Amino acid sequence: MSVLKVIELLASSTISWEDATQKAVTKASKSLKNIKSVYIKNQSAAVSEGKISEYRATIKVTFELE
């Protein structure tokens, strides 16, 4: 029987929402083992001088407990 845990992470990027998500997964995988999936809960952006200056993503990471 598997037991899974879900945590919520916030990440940002100056490139894209996809890059923000990847940064969160890369960072999480350094301390979490057995990551199974990622769910994008929310996306937002900061605007400066009429242009997007930062992409922000709130994600849920699911991983299997050992």
Protein backbone atom coordinates (compact mmCIF):
# COMPACT_ATOMS: atom_id res chain seq x y z
CA MET A 1 0.00 0.00 0.00
CA SER A 2 1.29 3.46 -0.91
CA VAL A 3 0.90 6.55 1.22
CA LEU A 4 1.13 9.87 -0.60
CA LYS A 5 1.60 13.38 0.77
CA VAL A 6 0.76 16.68 -0.91
CA ILE A 7 2.55 19.95 -0.19
CA GLU A 8 1.99 23.41 -1.61
CA LEU A 9 4.86 25.45 -3.01
CA LEU A 10 5.21 28.96 -4.41
CA ALA A 11 7.77 29.77 -7.10
CA SER A 12 8.60 32.62 -9.43
CA SER A 13 10.48 33.23 -12.65
CA THR A 14 11.24 36.13 -14.95
CA ILE A 15 10.87 33.78 -17.95
CA SER A 16 7.49 31.95 -17.74
CA TRP A 17 4.98 30.09 -15.55
CA GLU A 18 6.43 26.82 -16.85
CA ASP A 19 9.90 27.90 -15.74
CA ALA A 20 8.57 28.86 -12.29
CA THR A 21 6.97 25.42 -11.98
CA GLN A 22 10.16 23.67 -13.08
CA LYS A 23 12.19 25.66 -10.55
CA ALA A 24 9.85 24.54 -7.75
CA VAL A 25 10.05 20.88 -8.79
CA THR A 26 13.84 21.02 -9.16
CA LYS A 27 14.24 22.57 -5.71
CA ALA A 28 11.75 20.19 -4.08
CA SER A 29 13.43 17.13 -5.60
CA LYS A 30 16.63 17.97 -3.69
CA SER A 31 14.92 17.13 -0.39
CA LEU A 32 11.88 15.05 -1.41
CA LYS A 33 12.09 11.57 -2.87
CA ASN A 34 9.49 9.84 -5.03
CA ILE A 35 7.74 12.90 -6.47
CA LYS A 36 4.80 11.54 -8.44
CA SER A 37 2.95 14.58 -9.81
CA VAL A 38 2.54 18.34 -9.87
CA TYR A 39 -0.74 20.25 -9.96
CA ILE A 40 -0.77 23.92 -10.96
CA LYS A 41 -3.14 25.52 -8.45
CA ASN A 42 -2.73 29.16 -9.42
CA GLN A 43 -0.79 31.42 -11.75
CA SER A 44 -0.22 35.14 -11.37
CA ALA A 45 2.19 37.78 -12.57
CA ALA A 46 3.76 40.99 -11.33
CA VAL A 47 3.62 43.94 -13.70
CA SER A 48 6.11 46.76 -13.91
CA GLU A 49 5.92 49.64 -16.38
CA GLY A 50 3.19 47.94 -18.39
CA LYS A 51 5.08 44.64 -18.82
CA ILE A 52 5.16 41.35 -16.94
CA SER A 53 8.21 41.43 -14.70
CA GLU A 54 7.69 38.16 -12.81
CA TYR A 55 5.64 35.01 -13.35
CA ARG A 56 4.37 33.32 -10.18
CA ALA A 57 3.03 29.81 -9.76
CA THR A 58 1.40 28.10 -6.80
CA ILE A 59 1.77 24.35 -7.20
CA LYS A 60 0.89 21.20 -5.30
CA VAL A 61 3.53 18.47 -5.31
CA THR A 62 2.52 14.89 -4.58
CA PHE A 63 5.14 12.45 -3.36
CA GLU A 64 5.18 8.93 -1.96
CA LEU A 65 6.26 8.42 1.63
CA GLU A 66 8.84 5.70 2.26
